[in-house]
Structure formats: C-alpha cells, structure tokens
Protein backbone atom coordinates (compact mmCIF):
# COMPACT_ATOMS: atom_id res chain seq x y z
CA MET A 1 2.21 18.65 -9.99
CA HIS A 2 4.75 17.28 -7.49
CA ARG A 3 2.97 18.95 -4.58
CA ARG A 4 -0.24 17.13 -5.45
CA ALA A 5 1.63 13.80 -5.51
CA LEU A 6 3.15 14.56 -2.10
CA VAL A 7 -0.25 15.44 -0.62
CA ILE A 8 -1.78 12.22 -2.01
CA ARG A 9 1.06 10.10 -0.67
CA ALA A 10 0.84 11.82 2.74
CA PHE A 11 -2.90 11.13 2.81
CA PHE A 12 -2.26 7.45 2.03
CA ALA A 13 0.49 7.27 4.67
CA LEU A 14 -1.81 8.67 7.37
CA TRP A 15 -4.47 6.04 6.59
CA LEU A 16 -1.84 3.29 6.62
CA LEU A 17 -0.44 4.47 9.95
CA ALA A 18 -3.94 4.58 11.43
CA ALA A 19 -4.42 0.97 10.26
CA THR A 20 -1.05 0.08 11.78
CA PHE A 21 -2.22 1.53 15.10
CA ASN A 22 -5.44 -0.53 14.95
CA HIS A 23 -3.60 -3.78 14.20
CA ALA A 24 -0.96 -3.10 16.87
CA ARG A 25 -3.68 -2.29 19.41
CA ALA A 26 -5.47 -5.57 18.59
CA ILE A 27 -2.23 -7.52 19.00
CA ALA A 28 -1.49 -5.82 22.33
CA ALA A 29 -4.97 -6.55 23.64
CA HIS A 30 -5.60 -10.03 22.21
CA GLY A 31 -2.29 -11.53 21.09
CA LEU A 32 -0.53 -11.92 17.77
CA LEU A 33 -2.98 -14.26 16.06
CA TRP A 34 -6.33 -12.90 17.22
CA ASP A 35 -9.49 -14.03 15.44
CA TYR A 36 -11.02 -10.50 15.36
CA GLY A 37 -14.19 -11.85 16.95
CA TYR A 38 -14.94 -14.44 14.28
CA GLY A 39 -14.07 -17.38 16.54
CA SER A 40 -14.02 -20.82 14.92
CA ASP A 41 -15.19 -19.37 11.58
CA ILE A 42 -11.73 -17.97 10.88
CA VAL A 43 -8.91 -19.76 9.07
CA PHE A 44 -5.33 -19.59 10.32
CA VAL A 45 -4.10 -17.82 7.16
CA SER A 46 -6.47 -14.93 7.92
CA LYS A 47 -4.88 -14.51 11.33
CA LEU A 48 -1.45 -14.42 9.67
CA PHE A 49 -2.67 -11.91 7.09
CA TRP A 50 -4.01 -9.53 9.74
CA ALA A 51 -0.83 -9.86 11.82
CA ALA A 52 1.32 -9.22 8.74
CA LEU A 53 -0.54 -5.96 8.09
CA THR A 54 1.01 -4.64 11.30
CA LEU A 55 4.35 -4.68 9.45
CA LEU A 56 3.20 -4.16 5.85
CA ASP A 57 1.14 -1.00 6.51
CA PRO A 58 4.01 1.04 8.01
CA LEU A 59 6.40 -0.34 5.38
CA ALA A 60 4.09 0.96 2.65
CA ALA A 61 3.80 4.31 4.46
CA LEU A 62 7.59 4.61 4.57
CA LEU A 63 8.01 3.55 0.95
CA LEU A 64 5.54 6.21 -0.16
CA PHE A 65 8.27 8.74 0.61
CA VAL A 66 11.49 6.76 0.15
CA ARG A 67 10.50 4.78 -2.99
CA PRO A 68 7.21 6.36 -4.09
CA ARG A 69 6.38 4.00 -6.97
CA ALA A 70 7.00 0.94 -4.81
CA GLY A 71 5.03 2.54 -1.98
CA LEU A 72 2.09 3.23 -4.25
CA ALA A 73 2.17 -0.32 -5.63
CA LEU A 74 2.32 -1.81 -2.13
CA THR A 75 -0.48 0.48 -0.91
CA VAL A 76 -2.74 -0.60 -3.78
CA ALA A 77 -1.90 -4.27 -3.19
CA ILE A 78 -2.52 -4.03 0.56
CA ILE A 79 -5.88 -2.29 0.41
CA VAL A 80 -7.26 -4.34 -2.49
CA CYS A 81 -6.26 -7.60 -0.77
CA ASP A 82 -7.59 -6.33 2.56
CA VAL A 83 -11.00 -5.39 1.14
CA LEU A 84 -11.32 -8.66 -0.78
CA HIS A 85 -10.17 -10.71 2.21
CA ASN A 86 -12.31 -8.90 4.77
CA GLY A 87 -15.22 -8.76 2.32
CA TRP A 88 -15.43 -12.53 2.47
CA TYR A 89 -15.92 -12.43 6.26
CA VAL A 90 -18.24 -9.41 6.00
CA ALA A 91 -20.44 -11.28 3.51
CA ARG A 92 -20.56 -14.41 5.68
CA HIS A 93 -21.63 -12.38 8.72
CA GLY A 94 -23.80 -9.69 7.08
CA GLN A 95 -21.54 -6.83 8.23
CA TRP A 96 -21.77 -4.68 5.08
CA LEU A 97 -22.25 -1.48 7.07
CA ALA A 98 -19.68 -2.23 9.78
CA THR A 99 -17.49 0.82 10.36
CA PHE A 100 -14.23 -1.06 9.80
CA PHE A 101 -15.36 -2.36 6.40
CA VAL A 102 -16.94 0.89 5.19
CA SER A 103 -13.73 2.77 6.09
CA GLN A 104 -11.56 0.17 4.31
CA LEU A 105 -13.80 0.36 1.26
CA ALA A 106 -13.60 4.17 1.26
CA PHE A 107 -9.80 4.03 1.48
CA CYS A 108 -9.70 1.47 -1.33
CA VAL A 109 -11.80 3.72 -3.58
CA ALA A 110 -9.59 6.71 -2.71
CA VAL A 111 -6.39 4.76 -3.45
CA LEU A 112 -7.69 3.43 -6.75
CA ALA A 113 -8.98 6.87 -7.78
CA LEU A 114 -6.01 8.98 -6.64
CA THR A 115 -3.03 6.76 -7.45
CA PRO A 116 -3.23 7.42 -11.22
CA LEU A 117 -3.20 11.18 -10.49
CA THR A 118 0.28 11.06 -9.02
CA PRO A 119 2.96 11.69 -11.66
CA LEU A 120 5.11 8.90 -10.22
CA ALA A 121 2.36 6.33 -10.71
CA ALA A 122 1.88 7.30 -14.34
CA ARG A 123 5.47 6.46 -15.28
CA PRO A 124 6.51 2.83 -15.56
CA PHE A 125 9.26 1.35 -13.42
CA ARG A 126 12.66 1.85 -15.03
CA SER A 127 15.67 -0.38 -14.88
CA ARG A 128 18.10 0.88 -12.27
CA GLY A 129 20.93 -1.46 -13.19
CA PRO A 130 24.55 -0.25 -13.19
CA SER A 131 24.76 0.06 -16.97
CA ALA A 132 21.57 2.15 -17.12
CA ALA A 133 22.89 4.47 -14.42
CA LEU A 134 26.21 4.94 -16.22
CA LYS A 135 24.53 5.70 -19.54
CA SER A 136 22.09 8.22 -18.11
CA ASP A 137 24.55 10.00 -15.82
CA VAL A 138 27.27 10.69 -18.35
CA PRO A 139 26.48 13.44 -20.86
CA LYS A 140 27.35 12.62 -24.44
CA SER A 141 29.67 14.82 -26.41
CA ARG A 142 28.52 15.92 -29.88
CA ALA A 143 30.94 13.49 -31.53
CA THR A 144 29.73 10.57 -29.42
CA ALA A 145 26.09 11.50 -29.99
CA ARG A 146 26.59 11.42 -33.79
CA GLN A 147 28.25 7.98 -33.63
CA GLY A 148 25.81 6.28 -31.41
C-alpha cells in the first residue's frame, strides 16, 4: 500500500518538476511577467499567477515527500487552479486542443483520480500540537488506562 502511494507521489512530482522547467524556461527567455503570447488580452494577475507557479510547483514536489498530505493538497490546488485559469484563456482563443492545455487537463484528471488512492490522502489531517504529541508518544500503564 505504501509503495503505491510513493509511486503516485513520484509521478506527481515528475509532472510538477516538468512544469517548473517550462515556467523557468519561459521566464529566462521572456522575463518574469511574460504574457505567454496573449498580448493585451492578458490581465496582470495572470502574469503573477504563472510566475508564482515557478516556485509553487517545486514546493509541491518537495512537500509530496517531506509532508505528503500537504504536498497532495497543494498539488490538487495548483492543477485545479491552473486548468480553470488557463481554461478561461483557452476558451477565449479557441485553443481546446493546444498541447499545453491537453497535458494540463490530463494531469488534472490523473491527480483527481489517483490522490484518493494514496493512503495518506484518505486520512484527515491530525493536530500536531505539543499536547497531542505528548499524549500519543507516552504509553499508558494499565492503572492509568483504567482511570482515564
């Protein structure tokens, strides 16, 4: 079960790192706030969003291994927002079959389909406060267990 979760997270991380490469390449070639070829039709917030993905994508890839539940949540949030955001531009310009959008849509479907299959995604977030850690780390004696 844990091997499957690791394979799924590694698959997600590879896609995210490929997206990071694409965004970094665009920034290197065209500058930080490039319009991705949409010219005056683009709003400034979209430029910020695409630039932010250069940092958010590798962060999600890292979190998939360091903090898997947070990494899965961030991965879902990134790809859903990306598809919805880019879908608006795709619709305005009739680019439904553009390679970039089809690949994002495929990744979105994969993330939404595979995330529930990872055991870490199925469990809710737990409180990690100091009192919770103390209670869970200290085994109870039989006398204490009967009292409490």
